[in-house]
């Protein structure tokens, strides 16, 4: 039986890829952060509109989105004073999996 390669197709060591995956899964293991990913699965949103929908204050939502941005699950862009967030490719995959798991 062939042994699993220790490197990915991109040449990155497999352990490093696994560590990144664990970090991203840990980020969405919090129900409120996972909710943000699911909200953003419907498209780009401003922080204010997300706050209105999920009934949390701006500072909390902004902080959680910052964590998700750091983990490369969401992207942000600024338009004037407003900040808009959208899912990255990885974020879209996580949202897809979460939708399947939540029925």
PDB file of N, CA and C in Angstrom:
ATOM      1  N   UNK A   1       0.841  -1.175   0.000  1.00  0.00           N
ATOM      2  CA  UNK A   1       0.000   0.000   0.000  1.00  0.00           C
ATOM      3  C   UNK A   1       0.892   1.246   0.000  1.00  0.00           C
ATOM      4  N   UNK A   2       0.627   2.247  -0.869  1.00  0.00           N
ATOM      5  CA  UNK A   2       1.479   3.429  -0.906  1.00  0.00           C
ATOM      6  C   UNK A   2       1.295   4.281   0.344  1.00  0.00           C
ATOM      7  N   UNK A   3       2.387   4.873   0.767  1.00  0.00           N
ATOM      8  CA  UNK A   3       2.350   5.755   1.935  1.00  0.00           C
ATOM      9  C   UNK A   3       1.811   7.116   1.528  1.00  0.00           C
ATOM     10  N   UNK A   4       1.130   7.758   2.473  1.00  0.00           N
ATOM     11  CA  UNK A   4       0.651   9.113   2.211  1.00  0.00           C
ATOM     12  C   UNK A   4       1.835  10.053   2.119  1.00  0.00           C
ATOM     13  N   UNK A   5       1.774  10.961   1.197  1.00  0.00           N
ATOM     14  CA  UNK A   5       2.832  11.946   1.048  1.00  0.00           C
ATOM     15  C   UNK A   5       2.813  12.898   2.227  1.00  0.00           C
ATOM     16  N   UNK A   6       3.991  13.379   2.595  1.00  0.00           N
ATOM     17  CA  UNK A   6       4.069  14.349   3.687  1.00  0.00           C
ATOM     18  C   UNK A   6       3.950  15.770   3.166  1.00  0.00           C
ATOM     19  N   UNK A   7       3.782  15.908   1.865  1.00  0.00           N
ATOM     20  CA  UNK A   7       3.615  17.238   1.273  1.00  0.00           C
ATOM     21  C   UNK A   7       2.331  17.266   0.467  1.00  0.00           C
ATOM     22  N   UNK A   8       1.713  18.437   0.409  1.00  0.00           N
ATOM     23  CA  UNK A   8       0.496  18.611  -0.376  1.00  0.00           C
ATOM     24  C   UNK A   8       0.861  18.812  -1.840  1.00  0.00           C
ATOM     25  N   UNK A   9      -0.166  18.917  -2.666  1.00  0.00           N
ATOM     26  CA  UNK A   9       0.042  19.157  -4.091  1.00  0.00           C
ATOM     27  C   UNK A   9       0.773  20.479  -4.324  1.00  0.00           C
ATOM     28  N   UNK A  10       0.571  21.444  -3.415  1.00  0.00           N
ATOM     29  CA  UNK A  10       1.238  22.739  -3.556  1.00  0.00           C
ATOM     30  C   UNK A  10       2.663  22.710  -3.017  1.00  0.00           C
ATOM     31  N   UNK A  11       3.085  21.573  -2.457  1.00  0.00           N
ATOM     32  CA  UNK A  11       4.435  21.471  -1.912  1.00  0.00           C
ATOM     33  C   UNK A  11       4.518  21.851  -0.445  1.00  0.00           C
ATOM     34  N   UNK A  12       3.401  22.285   0.134  1.00  0.00           N
ATOM     35  CA  UNK A  12       3.372  22.686   1.534  1.00  0.00           C
ATOM     36  C   UNK A  12       3.347  21.439   2.417  1.00  0.00           C
ATOM     37  N   UNK A  13       4.138  21.395   3.459  1.00  0.00           N
ATOM     38  CA  UNK A  13       4.115  20.232   4.349  1.00  0.00           C
ATOM     39  C   UNK A  13       2.706  19.953   4.865  1.00  0.00           C
ATOM     40  N   UNK A  14       2.332  18.685   4.876  1.00  0.00           N
ATOM     41  CA  UNK A  14       0.986  18.291   5.273  1.00  0.00           C
ATOM     42  C   UNK A  14       0.655  18.745   6.690  1.00  0.00           C
ATOM     43  N   UNK A  15       1.604  18.673   7.612  1.00  0.00           N
ATOM     44  CA  UNK A  15       1.349  19.082   8.995  1.00  0.00           C
ATOM     45  C   UNK A  15       0.928  20.547   9.050  1.00  0.00           C
ATOM     46  N   UNK A  16       1.580  21.380   8.278  1.00  0.00           N
ATOM     47  CA  UNK A  16       1.234  22.811   8.259  1.00  0.00           C
ATOM     48  C   UNK A  16      -0.191  23.016   7.749  1.00  0.00           C
ATOM     49  N   UNK A  17      -0.571  22.267   6.714  1.00  0.00           N
ATOM     50  CA  UNK A  17      -1.937  22.360   6.191  1.00  0.00           C
ATOM     51  C   UNK A  17      -2.946  21.923   7.245  1.00  0.00           C
ATOM     52  N   UNK A  18      -2.631  20.852   7.950  1.00  0.00           N
ATOM     53  CA  UNK A  18      -3.527  20.353   9.000  1.00  0.00           C
ATOM     54  C   UNK A  18      -3.671  21.373  10.124  1.00  0.00           C
ATOM     55  N   UNK A  19      -2.585  22.040  10.468  1.00  0.00           N
ATOM     56  CA  UNK A  19      -2.641  23.068  11.511  1.00  0.00           C
ATOM     57  C   UNK A  19      -3.539  24.231  11.085  1.00  0.00           C
ATOM     58  N   UNK A  20      -3.443  24.645   9.825  1.00  0.00           N
ATOM     59  CA  UNK A  20      -4.310  25.718   9.308  1.00  0.00           C
ATOM     60  C   UNK A  20      -5.772  25.293   9.351  1.00  0.00           C
ATOM     61  N   UNK A  21      -6.033  24.052   8.944  1.00  0.00           N
ATOM     62  CA  UNK A  21      -7.406  23.550   8.957  1.00  0.00           C
ATOM     63  C   UNK A  21      -7.948  23.523  10.380  1.00  0.00           C
ATOM     64  N   UNK A  22      -7.151  23.068  11.325  1.00  0.00           N
ATOM     65  CA  UNK A  22      -7.584  23.033  12.730  1.00  0.00           C
ATOM     66  C   UNK A  22      -7.886  24.435  13.253  1.00  0.00           C
ATOM     67  N   UNK A  23      -7.045  25.395  12.901  1.00  0.00           N
ATOM     68  CA  UNK A  23      -7.253  26.770  13.347  1.00  0.00           C
ATOM     69  C   UNK A  23      -8.558  27.321  12.789  1.00  0.00           C
ATOM     70  N   UNK A  24      -8.833  27.050  11.519  1.00  0.00           N
ATOM     71  CA  UNK A  24     -10.067  27.555  10.909  1.00  0.00           C
ATOM     72  C   UNK A  24     -11.298  26.870  11.489  1.00  0.00           C
ATOM     73  N   UNK A  25     -11.201  25.574  11.708  1.00  0.00           N
ATOM     74  CA  UNK A  25     -12.333  24.857  12.310  1.00  0.00           C
ATOM     75  C   UNK A  25     -12.581  25.333  13.736  1.00  0.00           C
ATOM     76  N   UNK A  26     -11.523  25.641  14.448  1.00  0.00           N
ATOM     77  CA  UNK A  26     -11.675  26.164  15.810  1.00  0.00           C
ATOM     78  C   UNK A  26     -12.384  27.521  15.782  1.00  0.00           C
ATOM     79  N   UNK A  27     -12.058  28.349  14.796  1.00  0.00           N
ATOM     80  CA  UNK A  27     -12.708  29.656  14.683  1.00  0.00           C
ATOM     81  C   UNK A  27     -14.216  29.527  14.506  1.00  0.00           C
ATOM     82  N   UNK A  28     -14.659  28.559  13.726  1.00  0.00           N
ATOM     83  CA  UNK A  28     -16.098  28.420  13.489  1.00  0.00           C
ATOM     84  C   UNK A  28     -16.759  27.459  14.471  1.00  0.00           C
ATOM     85  N   UNK A  29     -16.000  26.986  15.471  1.00  0.00           N
ATOM     86  CA  UNK A  29     -16.605  26.116  16.482  1.00  0.00           C
ATOM     87  C   UNK A  29     -17.433  26.913  17.488  1.00  0.00           C
ATOM     88  N   UNK A  30     -17.295  28.223  17.463  1.00  0.00           N
ATOM     89  CA  UNK A  30     -18.110  29.103  18.297  1.00  0.00           C
ATOM     90  C   UNK A  30     -19.429  29.364  17.570  1.00  0.00           C
ATOM     91  N   UNK A  31     -20.573  29.100  18.211  1.00  0.00           N
ATOM     92  CA  UNK A  31     -21.865  29.255  17.521  1.00  0.00           C
ATOM     93  C   UNK A  31     -22.105  30.646  16.938  1.00  0.00           C
ATOM     94  N   UNK A  32     -21.660  31.686  17.629  1.00  0.00           N
ATOM     95  CA  UNK A  32     -21.883  33.040  17.114  1.00  0.00           C
ATOM     96  C   UNK A  32     -21.033  33.330  15.881  1.00  0.00           C
ATOM     97  N   UNK A  33     -19.798  32.835  15.853  1.00  0.00           N
ATOM     98  CA  UNK A  33     -18.963  33.041  14.669  1.00  0.00           C
ATOM     99  C   UNK A  33     -19.480  32.203  13.504  1.00  0.00           C
ATOM    100  N   UNK A  34     -19.952  30.998  13.806  1.00  0.00           N
ATOM    101  CA  UNK A  34     -20.532  30.166  12.749  1.00  0.00           C
ATOM    102  C   UNK A  34     -21.784  30.834  12.178  1.00  0.00           C
ATOM    103  N   UNK A  35     -22.571  31.463  13.042  1.00  0.00           N
ATOM    104  CA  UNK A  35     -23.748  32.200  12.579  1.00  0.00           C
ATOM    105  C   UNK A  35     -23.344  33.313  11.614  1.00  0.00           C
ATOM    106  N   UNK A  36     -22.252  34.013  11.911  1.00  0.00           N
ATOM    107  CA  UNK A  36     -21.778  35.063  11.008  1.00  0.00           C
ATOM    108  C   UNK A  36     -21.412  34.486   9.643  1.00  0.00           C
ATOM    109  N   UNK A  37     -20.766  33.336   9.638  1.00  0.00           N
ATOM    110  CA  UNK A  37     -20.414  32.689   8.372  1.00  0.00           C
ATOM    111  C   UNK A  37     -21.681  32.345   7.597  1.00  0.00           C
ATOM    112  N   UNK A  38     -22.685  31.831   8.285  1.00  0.00           N
ATOM    113  CA  UNK A  38     -23.935  31.474   7.610  1.00  0.00           C
ATOM    114  C   UNK A  38     -24.673  32.707   7.083  1.00  0.00           C
ATOM    115  N   UNK A  39     -24.640  33.788   7.832  1.00  0.00           N
ATOM    116  CA  UNK A  39     -25.267  35.038   7.370  1.00  0.00           C
ATOM    117  C   UNK A  39     -24.566  35.528   6.107  1.00  0.00           C
ATOM    118  N   UNK A  40     -23.232  35.458   6.101  1.00  0.00           N
ATOM    119  CA  UNK A  40     -22.463  35.935   4.950  1.00  0.00           C
ATOM    120  C   UNK A  40     -22.542  34.988   3.756  1.00  0.00           C
ATOM    121  N   UNK A  41     -23.039  33.788   3.965  1.00  0.00           N
ATOM    122  CA  UNK A  41     -23.197  32.846   2.850  1.00  0.00           C
ATOM    123  C   UNK A  41     -24.187  33.373   1.815  1.00  0.00           C
ATOM    124  N   UNK A  42     -25.062  34.280   2.248  1.00  0.00           N
ATOM    125  CA  UNK A  42     -26.045  34.874   1.332  1.00  0.00           C
ATOM    126  C   UNK A  42     -25.479  36.062   0.567  1.00  0.00           C
ATOM    127  N   UNK A  43     -24.244  36.460   0.857  1.00  0.00           N
ATOM    128  CA  UNK A  43     -23.619  37.559   0.131  1.00  0.00           C
ATOM    129  C   UNK A  43     -23.014  38.593   1.056  1.00  0.00           C
ATOM    130  N   UNK A  44     -22.330  39.541   0.443  1.00  0.00           N
ATOM    131  CA  UNK A  44     -21.638  40.598   1.177  1.00  0.00           C
ATOM    132  C   UNK A  44     -22.618  41.415   2.015  1.00  0.00           C
ATOM    133  N   UNK A  45     -22.191  41.759   3.209  1.00  0.00           N
ATOM    134  CA  UNK A  45     -23.032  42.546   4.115  1.00  0.00           C
ATOM    135  C   UNK A  45     -22.178  43.548   4.884  1.00  0.00           C
ATOM    136  N   UNK A  46     -22.796  44.646   5.282  1.00  0.00           N
ATOM    137  CA  UNK A  46     -22.124  45.598   6.163  1.00  0.00           C
ATOM    138  C   UNK A  46     -22.264  45.109   7.600  1.00  0.00           C
ATOM    139  N   UNK A  47     -21.374  45.573   8.447  1.00  0.00           N
ATOM    140  CA  UNK A  47     -21.428  45.183   9.854  1.00  0.00           C
ATOM    141  C   UNK A  47     -22.774  45.597  10.450  1.00  0.00           C
ATOM    142  N   UNK A  48     -23.219  46.781  10.119  1.00  0.00           N
ATOM    143  CA  UNK A  48     -24.494  47.278  10.648  1.00  0.00           C
ATOM    144  C   UNK A  48     -25.678  46.395  10.282  1.00  0.00           C
ATOM    145  N   UNK A  49     -25.734  45.943   9.037  1.00  0.00           N
ATOM    146  CA  UNK A  49     -26.861  45.099   8.629  1.00  0.00           C
ATOM    147  C   UNK A  49     -26.791  43.724   9.294  1.00  0.00           C
ATOM    148  N   UNK A  50     -25.576  43.233   9.526  1.00  0.00           N
ATOM    149  CA  UNK A  50     -25.424  41.964  10.241  1.00  0.00           C
ATOM    150  C   UNK A  50     -25.919  42.118  11.680  1.00  0.00           C
ATOM    151  N   UNK A  51     -25.542  43.218  12.317  1.00  0.00           N
ATOM    152  CA  UNK A  51     -25.972  43.488  13.703  1.00  0.00           C
ATOM    153  C   UNK A  51     -27.491  43.501  13.807  1.00  0.00           C
ATOM    154  N   UNK A  52     -28.145  44.160  12.864  1.00  0.00           N
ATOM    155  CA  UNK A  52     -29.604  44.223  12.871  1.00  0.00           C
ATOM    156  C   UNK A  52     -30.221  42.836  12.757  1.00  0.00           C
ATOM    157  N   UNK A  53     -29.653  42.006  11.892  1.00  0.00           N
ATOM    158  CA  UNK A  53     -30.220  40.680  11.659  1.00  0.00           C
ATOM    159  C   UNK A  53     -30.040  39.743  12.845  1.00  0.00           C
ATOM    160  N   UNK A  54     -28.860  39.756  13.452  1.00  0.00           N
ATOM    161  CA  UNK A  54     -28.609  38.778  14.514  1.00  0.00           C
ATOM    162  C   UNK A  54     -28.740  39.370  15.919  1.00  0.00           C
ATOM    163  N   UNK A  55     -29.098  40.627  15.993  1.00  0.00           N
ATOM    164  CA  UNK A  55     -29.401  41.284  17.276  1.00  0.00           C
ATOM    165  C   UNK A  55     -28.226  41.271  18.260  1.00  0.00           C
ATOM    166  N   UNK A  56     -27.032  41.605  17.756  1.00  0.00           N
ATOM    167  CA  UNK A  56     -25.854  41.776  18.600  1.00  0.00           C
ATOM    168  C   UNK A  56     -25.297  43.164  18.377  1.00  0.00           C
ATOM    169  N   UNK A  57     -24.574  43.684  19.368  1.00  0.00           N
ATOM    170  CA  UNK A  57     -24.037  45.032  19.242  1.00  0.00           C
ATOM    171  C   UNK A  57     -22.840  45.065  18.286  1.00  0.00           C
ATOM    172  N   UNK A  58     -22.618  46.227  17.721  1.00  0.00           N
ATOM    173  CA  UNK A  58     -21.612  46.442  16.681  1.00  0.00           C
ATOM    174  C   UNK A  58     -20.232  45.949  17.106  1.00  0.00           C
ATOM    175  N   UNK A  59     -19.806  46.316  18.315  1.00  0.00           N
ATOM    176  CA  UNK A  59     -18.452  45.979  18.767  1.00  0.00           C
ATOM    177  C   UNK A  59     -18.228  44.464  18.809  1.00  0.00           C
ATOM    178  N   UNK A  60     -19.230  43.720  19.258  1.00  0.00           N
ATOM    179  CA  UNK A  60     -19.107  42.266  19.346  1.00  0.00           C
ATOM    180  C   UNK A  60     -19.020  41.660  17.942  1.00  0.00           C
ATOM    181  N   UNK A  61     -19.899  42.092  17.059  1.00  0.00           N
ATOM    182  CA  UNK A  61     -19.906  41.575  15.683  1.00  0.00           C
ATOM    183  C   UNK A  61     -18.597  41.935  14.984  1.00  0.00           C
ATOM    184  N   UNK A  62     -18.160  43.163  15.140  1.00  0.00           N
ATOM    185  CA  UNK A  62     -16.933  43.615  14.506  1.00  0.00           C
ATOM    186  C   UNK A  62     -15.731  42.806  14.994  1.00  0.00           C
ATOM    187  N   UNK A  63     -15.669  42.551  16.296  1.00  0.00           N
ATOM    188  CA  UNK A  63     -14.566  41.765  16.860  1.00  0.00           C
ATOM    189  C   UNK A  63     -14.566  40.347  16.296  1.00  0.00           C
ATOM    190  N   UNK A  64     -15.718  39.725  16.261  1.00  0.00           N
ATOM    191  CA  UNK A  64     -15.810  38.345  15.751  1.00  0.00           C
ATOM    192  C   UNK A  64     -15.482  38.276  14.268  1.00  0.00           C
ATOM    193  N   UNK A  65     -15.907  39.262  13.509  1.00  0.00           N
ATOM    194  CA  UNK A  65     -15.559  39.306  12.090  1.00  0.00           C
ATOM    195  C   UNK A  65     -14.052  39.492  11.910  1.00  0.00           C
ATOM    196  N   UNK A  66     -13.446  40.263  12.796  1.00  0.00           N
ATOM    197  CA  UNK A  66     -11.990  40.442  12.754  1.00  0.00           C
ATOM    198  C   UNK A  66     -11.260  39.128  12.960  1.00  0.00           C
ATOM    199  N   UNK A  67     -11.745  38.318  13.882  1.00  0.00           N
ATOM    200  CA  UNK A  67     -11.153  36.996  14.108  1.00  0.00           C
ATOM    201  C   UNK A  67     -11.282  36.132  12.854  1.00  0.00           C
ATOM    202  N   UNK A  68     -12.458  36.167  12.240  1.00  0.00           N
ATOM    203  CA  UNK A  68     -12.687  35.389  11.022  1.00  0.00           C
ATOM    204  C   UNK A  68     -11.830  35.908   9.861  1.00  0.00           C
ATOM    205  N   UNK A  69     -11.621  37.221   9.825  1.00  0.00           N
ATOM    206  CA  UNK A  69     -10.764  37.801   8.777  1.00  0.00           C
ATOM    207  C   UNK A  69      -9.321  37.356   8.976  1.00  0.00           C
ATOM    208  N   UNK A  70      -8.879  37.360  10.213  1.00  0.00           N
ATOM    209  CA  UNK A  70      -7.518  36.915  10.522  1.00  0.00           C
ATOM    210  C   UNK A  70      -7.311  35.457  10.103  1.00  0.00           C
ATOM    211  N   UNK A  71      -8.348  34.645  10.236  1.00  0.00           N
ATOM    212  CA  UNK A  71      -8.283  33.250   9.822  1.00  0.00           C
ATOM    213  C   UNK A  71      -8.550  33.030   8.348  1.00  0.00           C
ATOM    214  N   UNK A  72      -8.690  34.126   7.603  1.00  0.00           N
ATOM    215  CA  UNK A  72      -8.937  34.094   6.161  1.00  0.00           C
ATOM    216  C   UNK A  72     -10.228  33.366   5.792  1.00  0.00           C
ATOM    217  N   UNK A  73     -11.220  33.528   6.658  1.00  0.00           N
ATOM    218  CA  UNK A  73     -12.545  32.960   6.394  1.00  0.00           C
ATOM    219  C   UNK A  73     -13.434  34.024   5.754  1.00  0.00           C
ATOM    220  N   UNK A  74     -13.184  35.286   6.102  1.00  0.00           N
ATOM    221  CA  UNK A  74     -13.913  36.400   5.490  1.00  0.00           C
ATOM    222  C   UNK A  74     -12.927  37.439   4.965  1.00  0.00           C
ATOM    223  N   UNK A  75     -13.398  38.201   3.992  1.00  0.00           N
ATOM    224  CA  UNK A  75     -12.684  39.368   3.462  1.00  0.00           C
ATOM    225  C   UNK A  75     -13.435  40.609   3.906  1.00  0.00           C
ATOM    226  N   UNK A  76     -12.728  41.724   3.974  1.00  0.00           N
ATOM    227  CA  UNK A  76     -13.405  42.977   4.294  1.00  0.00           C
ATOM    228  C   UNK A  76     -13.005  44.036   3.275  1.00  0.00           C
ATOM    229  N   UNK A  77     -13.905  44.986   3.116  1.00  0.00           N
ATOM    230  CA  UNK A  77     -13.593  46.162   2.294  1.00  0.00           C
ATOM    231  C   UNK A  77     -14.289  47.354   2.925  1.00  0.00           C
ATOM    232  N   UNK A  78     -13.642  48.487   2.834  1.00  0.00           N
ATOM    233  CA  UNK A  78     -14.173  49.711   3.419  1.00  0.00           C
ATOM    234  C   UNK A  78     -14.743  50.582   2.313  1.00  0.00           C
ATOM    235  N   UNK A  79     -15.927  51.125   2.589  1.00  0.00           N
ATOM    236  CA  UNK A  79     -16.548  52.086   1.674  1.00  0.00           C
ATOM    237  C   UNK A  79     -16.993  53.255   2.528  1.00  0.00           C
ATOM    238  N   UNK A  80     -16.210  54.311   2.485  1.00  0.00           N
ATOM    239  CA  UNK A  80     -16.472  55.438   3.381  1.00  0.00           C
ATOM    240  C   UNK A  80     -16.270  55.004   4.818  1.00  0.00           C
ATOM    241  N   UNK A  81     -17.286  55.205   5.648  1.00  0.00           N
ATOM    242  CA  UNK A  81     -17.200  54.797   7.051  1.00  0.00           C
ATOM    243  C   UNK A  81     -17.689  53.378   7.281  1.00  0.00           C
ATOM    244  N   UNK A  82     -18.258  52.766   6.268  1.00  0.00           N
ATOM    245  CA  UNK A  82     -18.829  51.433   6.425  1.00  0.00           C
ATOM    246  C   UNK A  82     -17.830  50.356   6.023  1.00  0.00           C
ATOM    247  N   UNK A  83     -17.895  49.227   6.736  1.00  0.00           N
ATOM    248  CA  UNK A  83     -17.058  48.074   6.415  1.00  0.00           C
ATOM    249  C   UNK A  83     -17.977  46.940   5.966  1.00  0.00           C
ATOM    250  N   UNK A  84     -17.647  46.356   4.837  1.00  0.00           N
ATOM    251  CA  UNK A  84     -18.421  45.261   4.279  1.00  0.00           C
ATOM    252  C   UNK A  84     -17.600  43.979   4.355  1.00  0.00           C
ATOM    253  N   UNK A  85     -18.284  42.890   4.645  1.00  0.00           N
ATOM    254  CA  UNK A  85     -17.622  41.586   4.754  1.00  0.00           C
ATOM    255  C   UNK A  85     -18.251  40.606   3.780  1.00  0.00           C
ATOM    256  N   UNK A  86     -17.417  39.703   3.292  1.00  0.00           N
ATOM    257  CA  UNK A  86     -17.873  38.613   2.428  1.00  0.00           C
ATOM    258  C   UNK A  86     -17.021  37.387   2.747  1.00  0.00           C
ATOM    259  N   UNK A  87     -17.501  36.231   2.338  1.00  0.00           N
ATOM    260  CA  UNK A  87     -16.765  35.000   2.588  1.00  0.00           C
ATOM    261  C   UNK A  87     -15.662  34.805   1.562  1.00  0.00           C
ATOM    262  N   UNK A  88     -14.548  34.262   2.011  1.00  0.00           N
ATOM    263  CA  UNK A  88     -13.495  33.818   1.106  1.00  0.00           C
ATOM    264  C   UNK A  88     -13.932  32.462   0.544  1.00  0.00           C
ATOM    265  N   UNK A  89     -13.126  31.885  -0.322  1.00  0.00           N
ATOM    266  CA  UNK A  89     -13.430  30.549  -0.835  1.00  0.00           C
ATOM    267  C   UNK A  89     -13.520  29.539   0.317  1.00  0.00           C
ATOM    268  N   UNK A  90     -12.592  29.643   1.231  1.00  0.00           N
ATOM    269  CA  UNK A  90     -12.595  28.746   2.401  1.00  0.00           C
ATOM    270  C   UNK A  90     -13.855  28.984   3.232  1.00  0.00           C
ATOM    271  N   UNK A  91     -14.223  30.237   3.409  1.00  0.00           N
ATOM    272  CA  UNK A  91     -15.438  30.570   4.147  1.00  0.00           C
ATOM    273  C   UNK A  91     -16.680  30.003   3.483  1.00  0.00           C
ATOM    274  N   UNK A  92     -16.714  30.043   2.160  1.00  0.00           N
ATOM    275  CA  UNK A  92     -17.853  29.481   1.424  1.00  0.00           C
ATOM    276  C   UNK A  92     -17.947  27.976   1.636  1.00  0.00           C
ATOM    277  N   UNK A  93     -16.804  27.303   1.640  1.00  0.00           N
ATOM    278  CA  UNK A  93     -16.798  25.857   1.883  1.00  0.00           C
ATOM    279  C   UNK A  93     -17.261  25.545   3.302  1.00  0.00           C
ATOM    280  N   UNK A  94     -16.786  26.322   4.271  1.00  0.00           N
ATOM    281  CA  UNK A  94     -17.209  26.115   5.659  1.00  0.00           C
ATOM    282  C   UNK A  94     -18.721  26.340   5.800  1.00  0.00           C
ATOM    283  N   UNK A  95     -19.249  27.354   5.129  1.00  0.00           N
ATOM    284  CA  UNK A  95     -20.686  27.626   5.172  1.00  0.00           C
ATOM    285  C   UNK A  95     -21.464  26.467   4.558  1.00  0.00           C
ATOM    286  N   UNK A  96     -20.966  25.934   3.447  1.00  0.00           N
ATOM    287  CA  UNK A  96     -21.627  24.816   2.801  1.00  0.00           C
ATOM    288  C   UNK A  96     -21.694  23.616   3.733  1.00  0.00           C
ATOM    289  N   UNK A  97     -20.583  23.303   4.382  1.00  0.00           N
ATOM    290  CA  UNK A  97     -20.535  22.182   5.319  1.00  0.00           C
ATOM    291  C   UNK A  97     -21.480  22.432   6.508  1.00  0.00           C
ATOM    292  N   UNK A  98     -21.462  23.663   7.024  1.00  0.00           N
ATOM    293  CA  UNK A  98     -22.325  23.999   8.167  1.00  0.00           C
ATOM    294  C   UNK A  98     -23.798  23.854   7.807  1.00  0.00           C
ATOM    295  N   UNK A  99     -24.163  24.251   6.591  1.00  0.00           N
ATOM    296  CA  UNK A  99     -25.561  24.123   6.157  1.00  0.00           C
ATOM    297  C   UNK A  99     -25.964  22.657   6.093  1.00  0.00           C
ATOM    298  N   UNK A 100     -25.075  21.804   5.599  1.00  0.00           N
ATOM    299  CA  UNK A 100     -25.359  20.370   5.526  1.00  0.00           C
ATOM    300  C   UNK A 100     -25.521  19.809   6.956  1.00  0.00           C
ATOM    301  N   UNK A 101     -24.648  20.229   7.846  1.00  0.00           N
ATOM    302  CA  UNK A 101     -24.666  19.687   9.211  1.00  0.00           C
ATOM    303  C   UNK A 101     -25.848  20.187  10.040  1.00  0.00           C
ATOM    304  N   UNK A 102     -26.344  21.370   9.713  1.00  0.00           N
ATOM    305  CA  UNK A 102     -27.455  21.929  10.489  1.00  0.00           C
ATOM    306  C   UNK A 102     -28.806  21.598   9.863  1.00  0.00           C
ATOM    307  N   UNK A 103     -28.780  20.881   8.759  1.00  0.00           N
ATOM    308  CA  UNK A 103     -30.008  20.398   8.145  1.00  0.00           C
ATOM    309  C   UNK A 103     -30.710  21.446   7.393  1.00  0.00           C
TER     310      UNK A 103
END
